[in-house]
């Protein structure tokens, strides 16, 4: 979908798309913090990278972003579908990134891939809650 077409989307979906675009552009923790409420919470449900799942407040979420930037580069988010219900936004997407370090059988330069369902709750135009269901391809 073109950027022009995104202009007519609900504002909360535009915020989510802008957040994903900022990650793709390599934004660090300071830039990403602007997308979140100060009391934001993220829940990552169990997956291959985080078998027990995780719950993070904003500080931990942003610290994780900085750690992630050491592990992967060239992150991309291809949104396949999106649903908006007021302050709630759900997106189905494919995430890809190139590894900087070895991970399992994968080597630096290999492409990682995951199909994801990400559910956002926004407050005042900023992300207050984010729930991730990430299904990683073998690595």
N, C-alpha and C. Protein backbone atom coordinates (compact mmCIF):
# COMPACT_ATOMS: atom_id res chain seq x y z
N UNK A 1 0.85 -1.17 0.00
CA UNK A 1 0.00 0.00 0.00
C UNK A 1 0.90 1.24 0.00
N UNK A 2 0.58 2.21 -0.79
CA UNK A 2 1.39 3.42 -0.89
C UNK A 2 1.24 4.28 0.36
N UNK A 3 2.22 5.15 0.56
CA UNK A 3 2.15 6.07 1.69
C UNK A 3 0.91 6.94 1.59
N UNK A 4 0.55 7.32 0.37
CA UNK A 4 -0.64 8.14 0.17
C UNK A 4 -1.89 7.42 0.66
N UNK A 5 -1.97 6.11 0.41
CA UNK A 5 -3.13 5.34 0.86
C UNK A 5 -3.18 5.28 2.37
N UNK A 6 -2.03 5.27 3.04
CA UNK A 6 -2.00 5.23 4.51
C UNK A 6 -2.58 6.50 5.13
N UNK A 7 -2.59 7.60 4.38
CA UNK A 7 -3.13 8.86 4.92
C UNK A 7 -4.59 8.72 5.33
N UNK A 8 -5.32 7.82 4.70
CA UNK A 8 -6.74 7.67 4.96
C UNK A 8 -7.04 6.58 6.00
N UNK A 9 -6.00 6.00 6.58
CA UNK A 9 -6.20 4.99 7.61
C UNK A 9 -6.52 5.65 8.94
N UNK A 10 -7.12 4.90 9.86
CA UNK A 10 -7.35 5.44 11.20
C UNK A 10 -6.03 5.89 11.84
N UNK A 11 -6.06 6.96 12.63
CA UNK A 11 -4.82 7.49 13.22
C UNK A 11 -4.03 6.46 14.03
N UNK A 12 -4.71 5.57 14.76
CA UNK A 12 -3.97 4.60 15.56
C UNK A 12 -3.23 3.59 14.69
N UNK A 13 -3.78 3.24 13.54
CA UNK A 13 -3.07 2.36 12.62
C UNK A 13 -1.88 3.09 12.01
N UNK A 14 -2.04 4.37 11.71
CA UNK A 14 -0.90 5.15 11.20
C UNK A 14 0.22 5.19 12.24
N UNK A 15 -0.14 5.31 13.52
CA UNK A 15 0.87 5.31 14.58
C UNK A 15 1.62 3.98 14.61
N UNK A 16 0.89 2.87 14.53
CA UNK A 16 1.54 1.55 14.53
C UNK A 16 2.45 1.41 13.32
N UNK A 17 1.98 1.82 12.15
CA UNK A 17 2.83 1.75 10.95
C UNK A 17 4.07 2.63 11.10
N UNK A 18 3.92 3.81 11.68
CA UNK A 18 5.07 4.70 11.88
C UNK A 18 6.07 4.07 12.85
N UNK A 19 5.58 3.41 13.88
CA UNK A 19 6.44 2.71 14.85
C UNK A 19 7.23 1.61 14.14
N UNK A 20 6.57 0.79 13.34
CA UNK A 20 7.26 -0.27 12.61
C UNK A 20 8.27 0.31 11.62
N UNK A 21 7.90 1.39 10.96
CA UNK A 21 8.81 2.05 10.02
C UNK A 21 10.04 2.60 10.74
N UNK A 22 9.85 3.11 11.95
CA UNK A 22 10.98 3.62 12.73
C UNK A 22 11.96 2.50 13.06
N UNK A 23 11.43 1.33 13.41
CA UNK A 23 12.31 0.19 13.68
C UNK A 23 13.06 -0.19 12.41
N UNK A 24 12.34 -0.24 11.28
CA UNK A 24 13.00 -0.55 10.01
C UNK A 24 14.12 0.44 9.69
N UNK A 25 13.92 1.70 10.05
CA UNK A 25 14.90 2.74 9.77
C UNK A 25 16.08 2.70 10.75
N UNK A 26 16.02 1.78 11.72
CA UNK A 26 17.14 1.64 12.65
C UNK A 26 17.04 2.50 13.89
N UNK A 27 15.85 3.01 14.19
CA UNK A 27 15.69 3.88 15.36
C UNK A 27 16.15 3.17 16.63
N UNK A 28 16.77 3.94 17.49
CA UNK A 28 17.19 3.43 18.78
C UNK A 28 16.12 3.66 19.84
N UNK A 29 16.48 3.33 21.06
CA UNK A 29 15.53 3.41 22.17
C UNK A 29 14.96 4.81 22.34
N UNK A 30 15.78 5.81 22.24
CA UNK A 30 15.31 7.19 22.47
C UNK A 30 14.23 7.59 21.47
N UNK A 31 14.43 7.25 20.20
CA UNK A 31 13.43 7.57 19.18
C UNK A 31 12.15 6.75 19.37
N UNK A 32 12.31 5.49 19.74
CA UNK A 32 11.13 4.63 19.90
C UNK A 32 10.32 4.98 21.14
N UNK A 33 10.96 5.52 22.15
CA UNK A 33 10.25 5.88 23.39
C UNK A 33 9.08 6.82 23.10
N UNK A 34 9.21 7.66 22.10
CA UNK A 34 8.16 8.63 21.77
C UNK A 34 6.86 7.96 21.32
N UNK A 35 6.92 6.70 20.91
CA UNK A 35 5.72 5.99 20.47
C UNK A 35 4.92 5.40 21.63
N UNK A 36 5.49 5.39 22.83
CA UNK A 36 4.89 4.69 23.96
C UNK A 36 4.45 5.63 25.07
N UNK A 37 3.44 5.20 25.82
CA UNK A 37 3.08 5.90 27.05
C UNK A 37 4.15 5.56 28.09
N UNK A 38 4.35 6.40 29.11
CA UNK A 38 5.40 6.12 30.11
C UNK A 38 5.16 4.80 30.86
N UNK A 39 3.91 4.37 30.98
CA UNK A 39 3.60 3.13 31.71
C UNK A 39 3.34 1.95 30.77
N UNK A 40 3.84 2.03 29.54
CA UNK A 40 3.60 0.98 28.55
C UNK A 40 4.09 -0.38 29.04
N UNK A 41 3.37 -1.40 28.59
CA UNK A 41 3.71 -2.79 28.91
C UNK A 41 3.72 -3.60 27.63
N UNK A 42 4.71 -4.49 27.51
CA UNK A 42 4.75 -5.41 26.39
C UNK A 42 4.75 -6.83 26.94
N UNK A 43 3.98 -7.69 26.30
CA UNK A 43 3.99 -9.11 26.64
C UNK A 43 4.36 -9.88 25.39
N UNK A 44 5.42 -10.66 25.50
CA UNK A 44 5.86 -11.53 24.40
C UNK A 44 5.50 -12.95 24.81
N UNK A 45 4.64 -13.57 24.04
CA UNK A 45 4.21 -14.92 24.36
C UNK A 45 5.30 -15.91 23.95
N UNK A 46 5.35 -17.09 24.57
CA UNK A 46 6.45 -18.05 24.33
C UNK A 46 6.69 -18.30 22.84
N UNK A 47 7.98 -18.36 22.50
CA UNK A 47 8.41 -18.61 21.12
C UNK A 47 9.80 -19.23 21.15
N UNK A 48 10.38 -19.47 20.00
CA UNK A 48 11.71 -20.12 19.92
C UNK A 48 12.80 -19.30 20.58
N UNK A 49 12.72 -17.99 20.54
CA UNK A 49 13.76 -17.16 21.15
C UNK A 49 13.53 -16.92 22.63
N UNK A 50 12.28 -16.87 23.03
CA UNK A 50 11.93 -16.60 24.43
C UNK A 50 10.94 -17.69 24.87
N UNK A 51 11.47 -18.90 25.17
CA UNK A 51 10.59 -20.04 25.43
C UNK A 51 9.60 -19.85 26.57
N UNK A 52 9.96 -19.08 27.57
CA UNK A 52 9.06 -18.85 28.71
C UNK A 52 8.19 -17.61 28.50
N UNK A 53 8.38 -16.90 27.41
CA UNK A 53 7.68 -15.63 27.21
C UNK A 53 8.29 -14.57 28.10
N UNK A 54 7.76 -13.37 28.03
CA UNK A 54 8.30 -12.28 28.85
C UNK A 54 7.28 -11.16 28.97
N UNK A 55 7.36 -10.47 30.08
CA UNK A 55 6.58 -9.25 30.28
C UNK A 55 7.57 -8.14 30.57
N UNK A 56 7.39 -7.00 29.88
CA UNK A 56 8.36 -5.91 29.99
C UNK A 56 7.64 -4.57 30.16
N UNK A 57 8.19 -3.76 31.02
CA UNK A 57 7.79 -2.37 31.09
C UNK A 57 8.57 -1.59 30.04
N UNK A 58 8.34 -0.30 29.98
CA UNK A 58 8.97 0.51 28.94
C UNK A 58 10.49 0.45 28.99
N UNK A 59 11.08 0.56 30.17
CA UNK A 59 12.55 0.55 30.27
C UNK A 59 13.12 -0.76 29.73
N UNK A 60 12.52 -1.88 30.11
CA UNK A 60 13.01 -3.18 29.63
C UNK A 60 12.77 -3.35 28.14
N UNK A 61 11.64 -2.87 27.65
CA UNK A 61 11.33 -2.94 26.23
C UNK A 61 12.37 -2.18 25.42
N UNK A 62 12.71 -0.98 25.86
CA UNK A 62 13.69 -0.16 25.14
C UNK A 62 15.10 -0.73 25.27
N UNK A 63 15.43 -1.29 26.43
CA UNK A 63 16.75 -1.94 26.59
C UNK A 63 16.84 -3.15 25.66
N UNK A 64 15.74 -3.88 25.52
CA UNK A 64 15.70 -5.01 24.60
C UNK A 64 15.93 -4.58 23.17
N UNK A 65 15.42 -3.42 22.82
CA UNK A 65 15.64 -2.88 21.47
C UNK A 65 17.13 -2.68 21.23
N UNK A 66 17.82 -2.11 22.22
CA UNK A 66 19.25 -1.87 22.05
C UNK A 66 20.02 -3.19 21.96
N UNK A 67 19.64 -4.19 22.76
CA UNK A 67 20.29 -5.51 22.66
C UNK A 67 20.00 -6.12 21.29
N UNK A 68 18.77 -5.99 20.83
CA UNK A 68 18.40 -6.55 19.53
C UNK A 68 19.18 -5.95 18.38
N UNK A 69 19.51 -4.69 18.48
CA UNK A 69 20.28 -4.02 17.42
C UNK A 69 21.68 -4.60 17.31
N UNK A 70 22.17 -5.25 18.38
CA UNK A 70 23.48 -5.90 18.34
C UNK A 70 23.40 -7.29 17.68
N UNK A 71 22.19 -7.85 17.61
CA UNK A 71 21.99 -9.21 17.12
C UNK A 71 21.51 -9.23 15.66
N UNK A 72 20.67 -8.26 15.28
CA UNK A 72 20.12 -8.23 13.92
C UNK A 72 20.24 -6.85 13.31
N UNK A 73 20.14 -6.83 11.98
CA UNK A 73 20.11 -5.58 11.22
C UNK A 73 19.13 -5.75 10.07
N UNK A 74 18.85 -4.67 9.38
CA UNK A 74 17.96 -4.70 8.22
C UNK A 74 16.60 -5.32 8.55
N UNK A 75 16.01 -4.90 9.66
CA UNK A 75 14.68 -5.40 10.03
C UNK A 75 13.64 -4.87 9.06
N UNK A 76 12.69 -5.74 8.71
CA UNK A 76 11.59 -5.37 7.82
C UNK A 76 10.30 -5.93 8.39
N UNK A 77 9.23 -5.17 8.24
CA UNK A 77 7.89 -5.57 8.68
C UNK A 77 6.95 -5.46 7.49
N UNK A 78 6.46 -6.59 7.03
CA UNK A 78 5.48 -6.60 5.94
C UNK A 78 4.12 -6.87 6.57
N UNK A 79 3.30 -5.84 6.63
CA UNK A 79 1.97 -5.98 7.22
C UNK A 79 1.04 -6.60 6.18
N UNK A 80 0.48 -7.76 6.53
CA UNK A 80 -0.43 -8.47 5.64
C UNK A 80 -1.88 -8.07 5.87
N UNK A 81 -2.21 -7.78 7.12
CA UNK A 81 -3.58 -7.46 7.46
C UNK A 81 -3.57 -6.62 8.73
N UNK A 82 -4.58 -5.79 8.87
CA UNK A 82 -4.70 -4.96 10.07
C UNK A 82 -6.17 -4.75 10.38
N UNK A 83 -6.48 -4.78 11.66
CA UNK A 83 -7.83 -4.52 12.14
C UNK A 83 -7.75 -3.43 13.20
N UNK A 84 -8.69 -2.51 13.15
CA UNK A 84 -8.72 -1.41 14.10
C UNK A 84 -10.09 -1.36 14.75
N UNK A 85 -10.09 -1.28 16.07
CA UNK A 85 -11.32 -1.11 16.84
C UNK A 85 -11.04 -0.04 17.88
N UNK A 86 -11.28 1.21 17.53
CA UNK A 86 -11.01 2.32 18.44
C UNK A 86 -9.53 2.41 18.78
N UNK A 87 -9.21 2.20 20.06
CA UNK A 87 -7.82 2.29 20.51
C UNK A 87 -7.06 0.98 20.38
N UNK A 88 -7.69 -0.03 19.79
CA UNK A 88 -7.03 -1.32 19.63
C UNK A 88 -6.69 -1.55 18.16
N UNK A 89 -5.46 -2.01 17.93
CA UNK A 89 -4.98 -2.30 16.58
C UNK A 89 -4.35 -3.69 16.59
N UNK A 90 -4.75 -4.53 15.66
CA UNK A 90 -4.16 -5.85 15.50
C UNK A 90 -3.55 -5.93 14.11
N UNK A 91 -2.31 -6.41 14.04
CA UNK A 91 -1.66 -6.57 12.75
C UNK A 91 -1.10 -7.99 12.62
N UNK A 92 -1.26 -8.53 11.42
CA UNK A 92 -0.60 -9.78 11.05
C UNK A 92 0.53 -9.37 10.12
N UNK A 93 1.73 -9.83 10.42
CA UNK A 93 2.88 -9.37 9.65
C UNK A 93 3.94 -10.45 9.52
N UNK A 94 4.84 -10.24 8.59
CA UNK A 94 6.05 -11.03 8.48
C UNK A 94 7.21 -10.12 8.84
N UNK A 95 8.01 -10.58 9.80
CA UNK A 95 9.22 -9.86 10.22
C UNK A 95 10.41 -10.59 9.64
N UNK A 96 11.35 -9.85 9.07
CA UNK A 96 12.62 -10.43 8.64
C UNK A 96 13.74 -9.53 9.14
N UNK A 97 14.89 -10.15 9.37
CA UNK A 97 16.08 -9.42 9.79
C UNK A 97 17.31 -10.25 9.46
N UNK A 98 18.40 -9.58 9.23
CA UNK A 98 19.66 -10.24 8.93
C UNK A 98 20.47 -10.34 10.22
N UNK A 99 20.98 -11.55 10.48
CA UNK A 99 21.75 -11.79 11.71
C UNK A 99 23.12 -11.13 11.66
N UNK A 100 23.51 -10.57 12.78
CA UNK A 100 24.87 -10.05 12.97
C UNK A 100 25.75 -11.09 13.66
N UNK A 101 25.12 -12.02 14.36
CA UNK A 101 25.83 -13.00 15.18
C UNK A 101 25.27 -14.40 14.88
N UNK A 102 26.01 -15.47 15.21
CA UNK A 102 25.45 -16.81 15.04
C UNK A 102 24.28 -17.04 16.00
N UNK A 103 23.30 -17.82 15.54
CA UNK A 103 22.15 -18.15 16.37
C UNK A 103 21.65 -19.52 15.94
N UNK A 104 21.78 -20.52 16.82
CA UNK A 104 21.44 -21.88 16.43
C UNK A 104 22.30 -22.29 15.25
N UNK A 105 21.69 -22.84 14.21
CA UNK A 105 22.43 -23.24 13.01
C UNK A 105 22.67 -22.06 12.07
N UNK A 106 22.06 -20.91 12.33
CA UNK A 106 22.19 -19.73 11.46
C UNK A 106 23.51 -19.01 11.72
N UNK A 107 24.03 -18.41 10.70
CA UNK A 107 25.30 -17.70 10.77
C UNK A 107 25.09 -16.21 10.47
N UNK A 108 26.06 -15.37 10.84
CA UNK A 108 25.95 -13.95 10.51
C UNK A 108 25.69 -13.78 9.01
N UNK A 109 24.75 -12.90 8.71
CA UNK A 109 24.35 -12.65 7.33
C UNK A 109 23.11 -13.43 6.92
N UNK A 110 22.78 -14.50 7.67
CA UNK A 110 21.57 -15.27 7.35
C UNK A 110 20.33 -14.44 7.67
N UNK A 111 19.26 -14.72 6.96
CA UNK A 111 17.99 -14.02 7.14
C UNK A 111 17.11 -14.80 8.12
N UNK A 112 16.66 -14.13 9.16
CA UNK A 112 15.68 -14.71 10.08
C UNK A 112 14.30 -14.25 9.63
N UNK A 113 13.29 -15.09 9.94
CA UNK A 113 11.92 -14.77 9.53
C UNK A 113 10.96 -15.24 10.61
N UNK A 114 9.91 -14.45 10.81
CA UNK A 114 8.84 -14.85 11.72
C UNK A 114 7.52 -14.31 11.19
N UNK A 115 6.48 -15.12 11.34
CA UNK A 115 5.10 -14.64 11.12
C UNK A 115 4.60 -14.22 12.49
N UNK A 116 3.97 -13.07 12.56
CA UNK A 116 3.61 -12.51 13.86
C UNK A 116 2.19 -11.98 13.87
N UNK A 117 1.57 -12.09 15.02
CA UNK A 117 0.35 -11.38 15.33
C UNK A 117 0.70 -10.42 16.44
N UNK A 118 0.50 -9.14 16.22
CA UNK A 118 0.86 -8.13 17.23
C UNK A 118 -0.39 -7.30 17.52
N UNK A 119 -0.70 -7.21 18.80
CA UNK A 119 -1.91 -6.54 19.25
C UNK A 119 -1.51 -5.33 20.10
N UNK A 120 -1.98 -4.18 19.70
CA UNK A 120 -1.65 -2.92 20.36
C UNK A 120 -2.89 -2.31 21.00
N UNK A 121 -2.71 -1.68 22.14
CA UNK A 121 -3.72 -0.82 22.72
C UNK A 121 -3.06 0.55 22.85
N UNK A 122 -3.71 1.56 22.29
CA UNK A 122 -3.15 2.91 22.33
C UNK A 122 -3.94 3.78 23.29
N UNK A 123 -3.27 4.76 23.84
CA UNK A 123 -3.90 5.75 24.72
C UNK A 123 -3.33 7.11 24.32
N UNK A 124 -4.20 8.02 23.95
CA UNK A 124 -3.73 9.34 23.54
C UNK A 124 -2.81 9.29 22.33
N UNK A 125 -3.01 8.31 21.46
CA UNK A 125 -2.20 8.22 20.25
C UNK A 125 -0.85 7.56 20.45
N UNK A 126 -0.61 7.01 21.66
CA UNK A 126 0.67 6.33 21.93
C UNK A 126 0.39 4.90 22.38
N UNK A 127 1.36 4.03 22.19
CA UNK A 127 1.20 2.62 22.52
C UNK A 127 1.28 2.43 24.03
N UNK A 128 0.20 1.86 24.60
CA UNK A 128 0.16 1.59 26.04
C UNK A 128 0.42 0.10 26.32
N UNK A 129 -0.04 -0.77 25.41
CA UNK A 129 0.17 -2.22 25.55
C UNK A 129 0.48 -2.80 24.18
N UNK A 130 1.39 -3.79 24.21
CA UNK A 130 1.75 -4.50 22.98
C UNK A 130 1.89 -5.97 23.34
N UNK A 131 1.13 -6.82 22.66
CA UNK A 131 1.22 -8.27 22.85
C UNK A 131 1.73 -8.88 21.55
N UNK A 132 2.81 -9.65 21.65
CA UNK A 132 3.42 -10.27 20.48
C UNK A 132 3.24 -11.79 20.52
N UNK A 133 2.78 -12.33 19.39
CA UNK A 133 2.74 -13.77 19.16
C UNK A 133 3.64 -14.00 17.95
N UNK A 134 4.87 -14.43 18.19
CA UNK A 134 5.88 -14.55 17.14
C UNK A 134 6.15 -16.01 16.82
N UNK A 135 6.02 -16.38 15.58
CA UNK A 135 6.23 -17.75 15.13
C UNK A 135 7.45 -17.75 14.20
N UNK A 136 8.62 -18.08 14.76
CA UNK A 136 9.87 -18.03 14.02
C UNK A 136 10.06 -19.24 13.13
N UNK A 137 10.60 -19.01 11.94
CA UNK A 137 11.04 -20.11 11.09
C UNK A 137 12.26 -20.74 11.73
N UNK A 138 12.56 -21.98 11.35
CA UNK A 138 13.71 -22.69 11.92
C UNK A 138 14.99 -21.89 11.71
N UNK A 139 15.84 -21.93 12.72
CA UNK A 139 17.17 -21.31 12.62
C UNK A 139 18.16 -22.16 13.37
